[in-house]
């Protein structure tokens, strides 16, 4: 539950774990999902890591992070702490 997402669209918005599920980060050979649930993923990234979609997400009780749900990825940085 120490994961969060954020958006700078229309001011800064921080979404912490809602506690509704434990779908934090999942992946398969075709994509990476951040968050999930019946409504969708907060962030979905394709297998080439150059396109994504943001949607309503139960994990964070978040709205789409952008006005346009589809986006292109120019650069990606992923951090992990142990």
C-alpha atoms as a PDB file:
ATOM      1  CA  UNK A   1       0.000   0.000   0.000  1.00  0.00           C
ATOM      2  CA  UNK A   2       2.990   2.355  -0.294  1.00  0.00           C
ATOM      3  CA  UNK A   3       2.311   3.206  -3.941  1.00  0.00           C
ATOM      4  CA  UNK A   4       0.711   6.355  -5.294  1.00  0.00           C
ATOM      5  CA  UNK A   5      -0.019   8.069  -8.601  1.00  0.00           C
ATOM      6  CA  UNK A   6      -0.262  11.755  -9.369  1.00  0.00           C
ATOM      7  CA  UNK A   7      -1.305  14.227 -12.031  1.00  0.00           C
ATOM      8  CA  UNK A   8      -0.366  17.812 -12.858  1.00  0.00           C
ATOM      9  CA  UNK A   9      -3.453  18.271 -15.071  1.00  0.00           C
ATOM     10  CA  UNK A  10      -5.545  21.152 -13.609  1.00  0.00           C
ATOM     11  CA  UNK A  11      -3.255  21.495 -10.602  1.00  0.00           C
ATOM     12  CA  UNK A  12      -1.452  18.834  -8.611  1.00  0.00           C
ATOM     13  CA  UNK A  13      -3.521  15.809  -7.560  1.00  0.00           C
ATOM     14  CA  UNK A  14      -2.162  12.915  -5.489  1.00  0.00           C
ATOM     15  CA  UNK A  15      -3.963   9.578  -5.310  1.00  0.00           C
ATOM     16  CA  UNK A  16      -2.933   7.123  -2.599  1.00  0.00           C
ATOM     17  CA  UNK A  17      -3.967   3.492  -2.256  1.00  0.00           C
ATOM     18  CA  UNK A  18      -7.710   3.295  -1.609  1.00  0.00           C
ATOM     19  CA  UNK A  19      -7.605  -0.116   0.106  1.00  0.00           C
ATOM     20  CA  UNK A  20     -10.300  -1.453  -2.272  1.00  0.00           C
ATOM     21  CA  UNK A  21      -7.928  -3.981  -3.856  1.00  0.00           C
ATOM     22  CA  UNK A  22      -4.241  -4.877  -4.056  1.00  0.00           C
ATOM     23  CA  UNK A  23      -3.760  -4.503  -7.806  1.00  0.00           C
ATOM     24  CA  UNK A  24      -0.676  -2.287  -7.667  1.00  0.00           C
ATOM     25  CA  UNK A  25       1.553  -3.201 -10.633  1.00  0.00           C
ATOM     26  CA  UNK A  26       1.009  -6.146 -12.952  1.00  0.00           C
ATOM     27  CA  UNK A  27       2.438  -7.051 -16.323  1.00  0.00           C
ATOM     28  CA  UNK A  28       2.399  -9.604 -19.086  1.00  0.00           C
ATOM     29  CA  UNK A  29       4.292  -9.949 -22.374  1.00  0.00           C
ATOM     30  CA  UNK A  30       2.124  -7.226 -23.961  1.00  0.00           C
ATOM     31  CA  UNK A  31       1.694  -4.512 -21.340  1.00  0.00           C
ATOM     32  CA  UNK A  32       2.231  -3.052 -17.874  1.00  0.00           C
ATOM     33  CA  UNK A  33      -0.693  -2.053 -15.652  1.00  0.00           C
ATOM     34  CA  UNK A  34      -0.523   0.322 -12.697  1.00  0.00           C
ATOM     35  CA  UNK A  35      -3.645  -0.050 -10.596  1.00  0.00           C
ATOM     36  CA  UNK A  36      -6.748  -1.896 -11.656  1.00  0.00           C
ATOM     37  CA  UNK A  37     -10.197  -3.112 -10.820  1.00  0.00           C
ATOM     38  CA  UNK A  38     -13.598  -3.180 -12.456  1.00  0.00           C
ATOM     39  CA  UNK A  39     -13.266   0.362 -13.776  1.00  0.00           C
ATOM     40  CA  UNK A  40      -9.814   0.098 -15.428  1.00  0.00           C
ATOM     41  CA  UNK A  41      -6.155   0.847 -14.808  1.00  0.00           C
ATOM     42  CA  UNK A  42      -4.752   4.165 -13.667  1.00  0.00           C
ATOM     43  CA  UNK A  43      -1.942   3.674 -16.210  1.00  0.00           C
ATOM     44  CA  UNK A  44      -1.641   1.085 -18.970  1.00  0.00           C
ATOM     45  CA  UNK A  45       1.592   0.951 -21.015  1.00  0.00           C
ATOM     46  CA  UNK A  46       1.965  -1.045 -24.248  1.00  0.00           C
ATOM     47  CA  UNK A  47       4.702  -3.577 -25.030  1.00  0.00           C
ATOM     48  CA  UNK A  48       6.838  -1.031 -26.919  1.00  0.00           C
ATOM     49  CA  UNK A  49       6.610   1.362 -23.949  1.00  0.00           C
ATOM     50  CA  UNK A  50       5.699   4.206 -26.303  1.00  0.00           C
ATOM     51  CA  UNK A  51       1.921   4.497 -25.817  1.00  0.00           C
ATOM     52  CA  UNK A  52      -0.401   4.434 -22.850  1.00  0.00           C
ATOM     53  CA  UNK A  53      -3.946   4.878 -21.593  1.00  0.00           C
ATOM     54  CA  UNK A  54      -5.196   6.281 -18.292  1.00  0.00           C
ATOM     55  CA  UNK A  55      -8.646   5.501 -16.922  1.00  0.00           C
ATOM     56  CA  UNK A  56     -10.733   5.485 -13.753  1.00  0.00           C
ATOM     57  CA  UNK A  57      -9.100   3.145 -11.232  1.00  0.00           C
ATOM     58  CA  UNK A  58     -10.402   1.388  -8.120  1.00  0.00           C
ATOM     59  CA  UNK A  59      -6.927   0.864  -6.623  1.00  0.00           C
ATOM     60  CA  UNK A  60      -6.492   4.622  -6.160  1.00  0.00           C
ATOM     61  CA  UNK A  61     -10.121   5.766  -6.545  1.00  0.00           C
ATOM     62  CA  UNK A  62      -8.732   8.033  -9.237  1.00  0.00           C
ATOM     63  CA  UNK A  63     -10.075   9.714 -12.320  1.00  0.00           C
ATOM     64  CA  UNK A  64      -8.125   9.515 -15.584  1.00  0.00           C
ATOM     65  CA  UNK A  65      -4.847  11.385 -15.056  1.00  0.00           C
ATOM     66  CA  UNK A  66      -5.186  13.303 -18.351  1.00  0.00           C
ATOM     67  CA  UNK A  67      -8.089  14.909 -20.248  1.00  0.00           C
ATOM     68  CA  UNK A  68      -7.228  12.763 -23.237  1.00  0.00           C
ATOM     69  CA  UNK A  69      -7.088   9.193 -21.948  1.00  0.00           C
ATOM     70  CA  UNK A  70      -4.601   8.110 -24.645  1.00  0.00           C
ATOM     71  CA  UNK A  71      -1.037   9.421 -24.549  1.00  0.00           C
ATOM     72  CA  UNK A  72       2.397   8.929 -26.109  1.00  0.00           C
ATOM     73  CA  UNK A  73       5.439   8.178 -23.965  1.00  0.00           C
ATOM     74  CA  UNK A  74       8.584  10.173 -24.726  1.00  0.00           C
ATOM     75  CA  UNK A  75      10.610   9.015 -21.749  1.00  0.00           C
ATOM     76  CA  UNK A  76       9.881   6.652 -18.881  1.00  0.00           C
ATOM     77  CA  UNK A  77      11.576   6.354 -15.501  1.00  0.00           C
ATOM     78  CA  UNK A  78      10.678   3.709 -12.940  1.00  0.00           C
ATOM     79  CA  UNK A  79      11.929   3.771  -9.362  1.00  0.00           C
ATOM     80  CA  UNK A  80      11.935   1.096  -6.705  1.00  0.00           C
ATOM     81  CA  UNK A  81      13.109   1.230  -3.109  1.00  0.00           C
ATOM     82  CA  UNK A  82      14.115  -1.733  -0.970  1.00  0.00           C
END
